[in-house]
Amino acid sequence: MDWLSDIAEEDPEAAELLAERFKDDEPPVKPLPWCMWAWRAWHRLKHDRQWRSGGMGPAMPSGIPYSSVAAYADRHGQSADELYGLIAAMDGVYAEWWDEQVEAASKKD
């Protein structure tokens, strides 16, 4: 966490609070080099994701639509079907993570 040492120089109290907040978090995901292009696309297309009503709970994420992925792939000279397959897989993991966060938050209440 190099960014934490930068913050510590500017504001030691803030760094201490952030360190406490992130102490139990797993390290950030480091995609393999061969799939960085799909990782970037997934992040850039996050605003195209729709959210469905959670009823009495929080909204839940839907997958990024194929139309958005195809437009992105066409613009960047990539295979839309290959990119969509990778993004759909990442969306599946994201949905599972989101469910875990909602469940953990509901147990705190």
Protein backbone atom coordinates (compact mmCIF):
# COMPACT_ATOMS: atom_id res chain seq x y z
CA MET A 1 0.00 0.00 0.00
CA ASP A 2 2.34 2.69 -1.24
CA TRP A 3 -0.52 5.18 -1.39
CA LEU A 4 -0.91 4.84 2.36
CA SER A 5 2.64 6.02 2.99
CA ASP A 6 1.95 9.07 0.78
CA ILE A 7 -1.11 9.89 2.87
CA ALA A 8 0.82 9.33 6.10
CA GLU A 9 3.27 12.04 5.12
CA GLU A 10 0.44 14.52 4.60
CA ASP A 11 -1.94 13.49 7.36
CA PRO A 12 -0.85 10.79 9.85
CA GLU A 13 -4.31 10.58 11.45
CA ALA A 14 -5.99 9.95 8.10
CA ALA A 15 -3.42 7.28 7.27
CA GLU A 16 -4.10 5.55 10.58
CA LEU A 17 -7.85 5.55 9.96
CA LEU A 18 -7.41 4.20 6.43
CA ALA A 19 -4.98 1.51 7.58
CA GLU A 20 -7.53 0.37 10.16
CA ARG A 21 -10.28 0.35 7.54
CA PHE A 22 -8.29 -1.72 5.03
CA LYS A 23 -6.42 -4.05 7.39
CA ASP A 24 -8.67 -7.05 6.71
CA ASP A 25 -9.20 -6.44 3.01
CA GLU A 26 -7.66 -8.77 0.50
CA PRO A 27 -5.10 -7.22 -1.82
CA PRO A 28 -6.55 -5.66 -4.97
CA VAL A 29 -7.02 -7.88 -7.97
CA LYS A 30 -4.02 -8.00 -10.30
CA PRO A 31 -5.22 -9.27 -13.69
CA LEU A 32 -2.84 -11.32 -15.77
CA PRO A 33 -1.26 -9.33 -18.60
CA TRP A 34 -3.10 -11.25 -21.34
CA CYS A 35 -6.50 -10.12 -20.03
CA MET A 36 -5.74 -6.49 -19.07
CA TRP A 37 -7.61 -5.30 -22.18
CA ALA A 38 -10.80 -6.99 -20.96
CA TRP A 39 -10.26 -5.72 -17.39
CA ARG A 40 -9.98 -2.15 -18.68
CA ALA A 41 -13.08 -2.57 -20.84
CA TRP A 42 -15.06 -3.95 -17.88
CA HIS A 43 -14.15 -0.90 -15.80
CA ARG A 44 -14.79 1.57 -18.59
CA LEU A 45 -18.22 0.07 -19.31
CA LYS A 46 -19.35 -0.01 -15.67
CA HIS A 47 -21.68 2.95 -16.21
CA ASP A 48 -23.56 0.99 -18.88
CA ARG A 49 -24.56 -1.57 -16.26
CA GLN A 50 -28.19 -1.42 -15.21
CA TRP A 51 -29.31 -1.95 -11.65
CA ARG A 52 -32.45 -3.88 -10.79
CA SER A 53 -34.61 -3.14 -7.82
CA GLY A 54 -33.78 -5.10 -4.73
CA GLY A 55 -37.33 -4.90 -3.42
CA MET A 56 -36.93 -4.12 0.25
CA GLY A 57 -33.14 -4.33 -0.01
CA PRO A 58 -30.49 -2.51 -2.03
CA ALA A 59 -30.42 -2.45 -5.82
CA MET A 60 -28.60 -5.34 -7.45
CA PRO A 61 -26.23 -5.09 -10.43
CA SER A 62 -27.11 -6.55 -13.81
CA GLY A 63 -24.52 -7.57 -16.36
CA ILE A 64 -23.07 -5.09 -18.82
CA PRO A 65 -25.21 -5.35 -21.98
CA TYR A 66 -23.83 -7.02 -25.08
CA SER A 67 -24.63 -3.94 -27.15
CA SER A 68 -22.28 -1.83 -25.02
CA VAL A 69 -19.55 -4.46 -25.19
CA ALA A 70 -19.93 -4.82 -28.96
CA ALA A 71 -19.71 -1.06 -29.50
CA TYR A 72 -16.59 -0.90 -27.30
CA ALA A 73 -14.99 -3.87 -29.08
CA ASP A 74 -15.73 -2.41 -32.53
CA ARG A 75 -14.24 0.91 -31.52
CA HIS A 76 -11.05 -0.74 -30.24
CA GLY A 77 -10.66 -3.41 -32.94
CA GLN A 78 -11.40 -6.34 -30.64
CA SER A 79 -13.63 -9.39 -30.91
CA ALA A 80 -17.02 -8.54 -29.42
CA ASP A 81 -17.86 -12.18 -28.63
CA GLU A 82 -14.52 -12.82 -26.92
CA LEU A 83 -14.73 -9.61 -24.94
CA TYR A 84 -18.35 -10.27 -23.95
CA GLY A 85 -17.41 -13.75 -22.69
CA LEU A 86 -14.72 -12.29 -20.45
CA ILE A 87 -16.90 -9.42 -19.24
CA ALA A 88 -19.81 -11.76 -18.53
CA ALA A 89 -17.47 -13.90 -16.40
CA MET A 90 -16.29 -10.82 -14.49
CA ASP A 91 -19.90 -9.70 -14.07
CA GLY A 92 -20.69 -13.09 -12.52
CA VAL A 93 -17.91 -12.69 -9.98
CA TYR A 94 -19.00 -9.10 -9.32
CA ALA A 95 -22.60 -10.22 -8.70
CA GLU A 96 -21.41 -12.85 -6.21
CA TRP A 97 -19.24 -10.27 -4.44
CA TRP A 98 -22.16 -7.84 -4.33
CA ASP A 99 -24.40 -10.51 -2.77
CA GLU A 100 -21.75 -11.17 -0.11
CA GLN A 101 -21.54 -7.45 0.70
CA VAL A 102 -25.33 -7.15 1.02
CA GLU A 103 -25.49 -10.23 3.24
CA ALA A 104 -22.66 -8.97 5.46
CA ALA A 105 -24.30 -5.56 5.77
CA SER A 106 -27.63 -7.11 6.71
CA LYS A 107 -25.98 -9.09 9.51
CA LYS A 108 -24.52 -5.88 10.99
CA ASP A 109 -27.99 -4.34 11.38
